[in-house]
Amino acid sequence: MLRPEAVITRVGLSRSQVYQMIAEERFPPFLKLSTRASAMPEAWLDAFIARRAEIAIGK
């Protein structure tokens, strides 16, 4: 599980860009772990990055 700061660092986008893309359903959402903690399964982020790479190279 990756916390929001780790996700933001890996994708190289700003926090506001990530949350905007989540709101637009163009980025995987964070899961609420508790009232104050959220995280994303690393596999979700890896799949998102792989898909974006496929789109970029035209596959």
C-alpha atoms as a PDB file:
ATOM      1  CA  MET A   1       0.000   0.000   0.000  1.00  0.00           C
ATOM      2  CA  LEU A   2       1.290   3.433  -0.947  1.00  0.00           C
ATOM      3  CA  ARG A   3       0.420   6.542   0.994  1.00  0.00           C
ATOM      4  CA  PRO A   4      -0.551   9.666  -1.020  1.00  0.00           C
ATOM      5  CA  GLU A   5       2.907  11.294  -0.781  1.00  0.00           C
ATOM      6  CA  ALA A   6       4.550   8.162  -2.216  1.00  0.00           C
ATOM      7  CA  VAL A   7       2.041   8.064  -5.087  1.00  0.00           C
ATOM      8  CA  ILE A   8       2.576  11.747  -5.871  1.00  0.00           C
ATOM      9  CA  THR A   9       6.351  11.263  -5.870  1.00  0.00           C
ATOM     10  CA  ARG A  10       6.183   8.223  -8.166  1.00  0.00           C
ATOM     11  CA  VAL A  11       3.956   9.840 -10.778  1.00  0.00           C
ATOM     12  CA  GLY A  12       5.608  13.257 -10.686  1.00  0.00           C
ATOM     13  CA  LEU A  13       2.338  15.165 -10.528  1.00  0.00           C
ATOM     14  CA  SER A  14       1.224  17.717  -7.976  1.00  0.00           C
ATOM     15  CA  ARG A  15      -1.150  16.751  -5.186  1.00  0.00           C
ATOM     16  CA  SER A  16      -3.910  18.870  -6.727  1.00  0.00           C
ATOM     17  CA  GLN A  17      -3.428  17.236 -10.145  1.00  0.00           C
ATOM     18  CA  VAL A  18      -3.696  13.754  -8.642  1.00  0.00           C
ATOM     19  CA  TYR A  19      -6.866  14.580  -6.711  1.00  0.00           C
ATOM     20  CA  GLN A  20      -8.380  16.322  -9.748  1.00  0.00           C
ATOM     21  CA  MET A  21      -7.709  13.239 -11.882  1.00  0.00           C
ATOM     22  CA  ILE A  22      -9.267  11.028  -9.179  1.00  0.00           C
ATOM     23  CA  ALA A  23     -12.370  13.243  -9.182  1.00  0.00           C
ATOM     24  CA  GLU A  24     -12.535  12.897 -12.984  1.00  0.00           C
ATOM     25  CA  GLU A  25     -12.086   9.097 -12.654  1.00  0.00           C
ATOM     26  CA  ARG A  26      -8.843   9.243 -14.673  1.00  0.00           C
ATOM     27  CA  PHE A  27      -6.637   8.014 -11.801  1.00  0.00           C
ATOM     28  CA  PRO A  28      -7.080   5.142  -9.337  1.00  0.00           C
ATOM     29  CA  PRO A  29      -8.655   6.262  -6.047  1.00  0.00           C
ATOM     30  CA  PHE A  30      -7.138   6.051  -2.594  1.00  0.00           C
ATOM     31  CA  LEU A  31      -8.706   3.627  -0.132  1.00  0.00           C
ATOM     32  CA  LYS A  32      -9.620   4.889   3.326  1.00  0.00           C
ATOM     33  CA  LEU A  33      -7.691   2.870   5.894  1.00  0.00           C
ATOM     34  CA  SER A  34      -9.046   4.851   8.829  1.00  0.00           C
ATOM     35  CA  THR A  35     -10.602   8.244   9.443  1.00  0.00           C
ATOM     36  CA  ARG A  36      -7.214   9.927   8.902  1.00  0.00           C
ATOM     37  CA  ALA A  37      -5.292   7.544   6.653  1.00  0.00           C
ATOM     38  CA  SER A  38      -5.563   6.683   2.971  1.00  0.00           C
ATOM     39  CA  ALA A  39      -3.455   4.526   0.703  1.00  0.00           C
ATOM     40  CA  MET A  40      -3.448   2.993  -2.760  1.00  0.00           C
ATOM     41  CA  PRO A  41      -2.534  -0.602  -3.577  1.00  0.00           C
ATOM     42  CA  GLU A  42       0.814  -0.519  -5.372  1.00  0.00           C
ATOM     43  CA  ALA A  43      -0.563  -2.849  -8.051  1.00  0.00           C
ATOM     44  CA  TRP A  44      -3.208  -0.235  -8.959  1.00  0.00           C
ATOM     45  CA  LEU A  45      -0.565   2.439  -9.452  1.00  0.00           C
ATOM     46  CA  ASP A  46       1.664   0.060 -11.439  1.00  0.00           C
ATOM     47  CA  ALA A  47      -1.270  -0.835 -13.726  1.00  0.00           C
ATOM     48  CA  PHE A  48      -2.118   2.851 -14.203  1.00  0.00           C
ATOM     49  CA  ILE A  49       1.485   3.679 -15.152  1.00  0.00           C
ATOM     50  CA  ALA A  50       1.703   0.692 -17.511  1.00  0.00           C
ATOM     51  CA  ARG A  51      -1.546   1.685 -19.226  1.00  0.00           C
ATOM     52  CA  ARG A  52      -0.387   5.296 -19.646  1.00  0.00           C
ATOM     53  CA  ALA A  53       2.871   3.990 -21.189  1.00  0.00           C
ATOM     54  CA  GLU A  54       0.904   1.810 -23.623  1.00  0.00           C
ATOM     55  CA  ILE A  55      -1.196   4.807 -24.648  1.00  0.00           C
ATOM     56  CA  ALA A  56       1.924   6.948 -25.094  1.00  0.00           C
ATOM     57  CA  ILE A  57       3.568   4.459 -27.448  1.00  0.00           C
ATOM     58  CA  GLY A  58       0.344   3.770 -29.322  1.00  0.00           C
ATOM     59  CA  LYS A  59      -0.521   0.225 -28.254  1.00  0.00           C
END
